[in-house]
Protein backbone atom coordinates (compact mmCIF):
# COMPACT_ATOMS: atom_id res chain seq x y z
CA UNK A 1 79.84 -38.64 -6.66
CA UNK A 2 82.45 -35.83 -8.45
CA UNK A 3 79.55 -33.26 -8.47
CA UNK A 4 78.71 -33.70 -4.94
CA UNK A 5 82.38 -33.52 -3.77
CA UNK A 6 82.95 -30.42 -6.01
CA UNK A 7 79.96 -28.66 -4.77
CA UNK A 8 80.73 -29.88 -1.03
CA UNK A 9 84.42 -28.27 -1.34
CA UNK A 10 83.02 -25.22 -2.97
CA UNK A 11 80.33 -24.36 -0.43
CA UNK A 12 82.56 -24.17 2.21
CA UNK A 13 85.53 -22.78 0.58
CA UNK A 14 83.28 -19.87 -0.38
CA UNK A 15 84.58 -18.33 3.05
CA UNK A 16 87.70 -17.70 2.14
CA UNK A 17 90.47 -17.55 4.53
CA UNK A 18 88.87 -15.05 6.43
CA UNK A 19 88.35 -16.18 10.28
CA UNK A 20 85.66 -13.63 11.06
CA UNK A 21 83.11 -14.75 8.02
CA UNK A 22 80.00 -16.84 9.64
CA UNK A 23 77.79 -16.70 6.80
CA UNK A 24 77.91 -16.29 3.15
CA UNK A 25 75.20 -15.59 0.34
CA UNK A 26 75.91 -15.49 -3.58
CA UNK A 27 74.71 -16.09 -6.92
CA UNK A 28 77.13 -18.41 -8.78
CA UNK A 29 78.40 -19.73 -12.43
CA UNK A 30 80.32 -23.14 -11.90
CA UNK A 31 82.11 -24.34 -15.12
CA UNK A 32 83.56 -27.32 -15.72
CA UNK A 33 85.80 -28.03 -18.54
CA UNK A 34 87.34 -31.26 -19.27
CA UNK A 35 90.89 -32.11 -21.06
CA UNK A 36 89.03 -31.92 -24.51
CA UNK A 37 88.18 -28.16 -23.56
CA UNK A 38 84.30 -29.14 -23.45
CA UNK A 39 82.78 -27.03 -20.86
CA UNK A 40 79.54 -27.60 -18.72
CA UNK A 41 78.38 -24.67 -17.12
CA UNK A 42 75.84 -24.31 -13.94
CA UNK A 43 73.90 -21.43 -12.38
CA UNK A 44 72.00 -20.71 -9.05
CA UNK A 45 72.39 -19.38 -5.73
CA UNK A 46 74.41 -20.36 -2.53
CA UNK A 47 73.53 -20.26 1.17
CA UNK A 48 76.13 -20.90 3.51
CA UNK A 49 76.77 -20.84 7.42
CA UNK A 50 79.53 -22.20 10.01
CA UNK A 51 80.04 -24.37 10.87
CA UNK A 52 79.27 -26.71 8.00
CA UNK A 53 75.94 -25.86 6.44
CA UNK A 54 75.10 -24.75 2.90
CA UNK A 55 72.40 -25.07 0.31
CA UNK A 56 73.15 -24.80 -3.35
CA UNK A 57 70.18 -24.09 -5.48
CA UNK A 58 70.86 -24.73 -9.15
CA UNK A 59 68.67 -23.13 -11.33
CA UNK A 60 70.11 -23.48 -14.80
CA UNK A 61 70.50 -26.09 -16.94
CA UNK A 62 68.16 -27.65 -14.52
CA UNK A 63 67.08 -27.58 -11.45
CA UNK A 64 68.44 -29.17 -8.39
CA UNK A 65 69.15 -28.49 -4.91
CA UNK A 66 72.19 -29.39 -2.94
CA UNK A 67 71.86 -29.47 1.13
CA UNK A 68 75.20 -30.12 2.78
CA UNK A 69 75.77 -30.39 6.68
CA UNK A 70 78.70 -31.78 8.83
CA UNK A 71 77.82 -35.39 8.07
CA UNK A 72 75.52 -35.55 5.08
CA UNK A 73 74.95 -34.19 1.23
CA UNK A 74 71.24 -34.54 0.00
CA UNK A 75 71.05 -33.95 -3.46
CA UNK A 76 67.26 -33.04 -4.74
CA UNK A 77 67.05 -33.78 -8.42
CA UNK A 78 63.64 -31.89 -8.99
CA UNK A 79 63.43 -33.06 -12.75
CA UNK A 80 63.63 -36.67 -12.06
CA UNK A 81 61.84 -36.57 -8.63
CA UNK A 82 64.98 -37.97 -7.16
CA UNK A 83 66.57 -37.60 -3.64
CA UNK A 84 70.05 -39.02 -3.08
CA UNK A 85 71.56 -38.95 0.72
CA UNK A 86 75.26 -39.40 1.22
CA UNK A 87 77.31 -39.55 4.63
CA UNK A 88 80.59 -37.90 4.36
CA UNK A 89 83.75 -37.90 6.59
CA UNK A 90 82.69 -36.11 9.61
CA UNK A 91 86.53 -35.55 10.33
CA UNK A 92 86.67 -33.36 7.20
CA UNK A 93 87.15 -29.69 8.31
CA UNK A 94 86.91 -27.34 5.65
CA UNK A 95 87.10 -24.08 7.59
CA UNK A 96 90.60 -25.48 8.87
CA UNK A 97 91.43 -25.70 4.94
CA UNK A 98 90.33 -22.07 4.30
CA UNK A 99 92.08 -20.81 7.73
CA UNK A 100 94.97 -22.07 6.38
CA UNK A 101 94.77 -20.82 3.04
CA UNK A 102 98.37 -19.08 2.04
CA UNK A 103 98.15 -15.46 0.50
CA UNK A 104 100.12 -15.81 -2.98
CA UNK A 105 99.28 -12.38 -4.46
CA UNK A 106 97.46 -9.25 -3.65
CA UNK A 107 93.80 -10.85 -4.14
CA UNK A 108 94.54 -14.71 -4.41
CA UNK A 109 94.98 -17.51 -1.74
CA UNK A 110 95.83 -20.59 -2.36
CA UNK A 111 94.62 -23.80 0.04
CA UNK A 112 94.86 -27.51 0.06
CA UNK A 113 92.91 -30.83 0.69
CA UNK A 114 94.57 -33.93 0.59
CA UNK A 115 96.10 -33.80 -3.30
CA UNK A 116 93.89 -31.17 -4.55
CA UNK A 117 94.89 -27.33 -4.71
CA UNK A 118 92.51 -24.26 -4.63
CA UNK A 119 92.75 -21.07 -5.56
CA UNK A 120 90.73 -18.40 -3.83
CA UNK A 121 90.32 -14.78 -5.48
CA UNK A 122 89.25 -12.14 -3.38
CA UNK A 123 87.85 -8.62 -4.59
CA UNK A 124 86.67 -5.80 -2.19
CA UNK A 125 86.89 -8.21 0.71
CA UNK A 126 84.59 -10.50 -0.86
CA UNK A 127 85.27 -14.01 -2.42
CA UNK A 128 85.01 -13.59 -6.18
CA UNK A 129 85.87 -16.89 -7.28
CA UNK A 130 87.23 -20.35 -6.49
CA UNK A 131 89.20 -22.19 -9.24
CA UNK A 132 90.52 -26.53 -8.52
CA UNK A 133 91.16 -29.36 -10.76
CA UNK A 134 88.74 -32.25 -9.67
CA UNK A 135 89.88 -35.89 -9.50
CA UNK A 136 89.35 -36.36 -13.19
CA UNK A 137 91.48 -33.51 -13.84
CA UNK A 138 88.71 -31.13 -15.08
CA UNK A 139 89.14 -27.43 -14.35
CA UNK A 140 86.54 -26.27 -12.09
CA UNK A 141 86.04 -22.47 -11.66
CA UNK A 142 83.10 -21.00 -9.48
CA UNK A 143 82.36 -17.04 -9.73
CA UNK A 144 80.54 -15.31 -7.51
CA UNK A 145 78.12 -12.35 -7.94
CA UNK A 146 75.75 -10.43 -5.61
CA UNK A 147 77.68 -11.51 -2.71
CA UNK A 148 76.97 -10.82 1.05
CA UNK A 149 78.49 -11.67 3.99
CA UNK A 150 77.59 -12.19 7.67
CA UNK A 151 74.30 -12.04 7.16
CA UNK A 152 71.34 -13.58 8.97
CA UNK A 153 70.32 -16.99 7.22
CA UNK A 154 67.26 -18.80 8.44
CA UNK A 155 68.39 -22.33 9.63
CA UNK A 156 65.30 -23.63 7.67
CA UNK A 157 66.86 -23.20 4.42
CA UNK A 158 69.33 -25.89 5.42
CA UNK A 159 66.59 -28.89 5.80
CA UNK A 160 66.25 -30.54 2.38
CA UNK A 161 62.64 -30.31 1.38
CA UNK A 162 61.17 -32.95 -1.30
CA UNK A 163 57.51 -34.38 -1.75
CA UNK A 164 57.13 -37.49 -0.14
CA UNK A 165 56.62 -39.15 -3.56
CA UNK A 166 60.31 -38.71 -4.84
CA UNK A 167 62.26 -41.68 -4.88
CA UNK A 168 65.10 -41.93 -1.86
CA UNK A 169 68.50 -43.32 -2.50
CA UNK A 170 70.82 -43.74 0.54
CA UNK A 171 74.26 -44.25 -0.14
């Protein structure tokens, strides 16, 4: 659940505090560091679009696809041939959090959701990185590269795709 929540939050936060952004594509490197300074790193690509659609395609260290819409998160675990479908809070408005983020320095913003504080770094008017502590006190940092804003993204990429023989778990 920790990874899904982090992914869900970050996918939408990648729109930062710019109200005019309607889509975002980028490569990403996600690092999660625990209290013993052990770090797990993941990489892949992100495609996201307003109002609340995103797909994270993880390529390293394992292949996994995470599809997010306003009501559900679908995680397709390719290597273990499993799909997990979870409902999410429909009242959770990610873009409101982003639009309410406050500028704290030239290229840094701070936003909140419940008890979590998010730091968003901007470079050349593009979201460069996001940093926060998750509910387990891990430091989570996502660095974006090859960012593209306001490009057309086909709706089909947000539909979870997996072979019918995969095990499906509904939560």
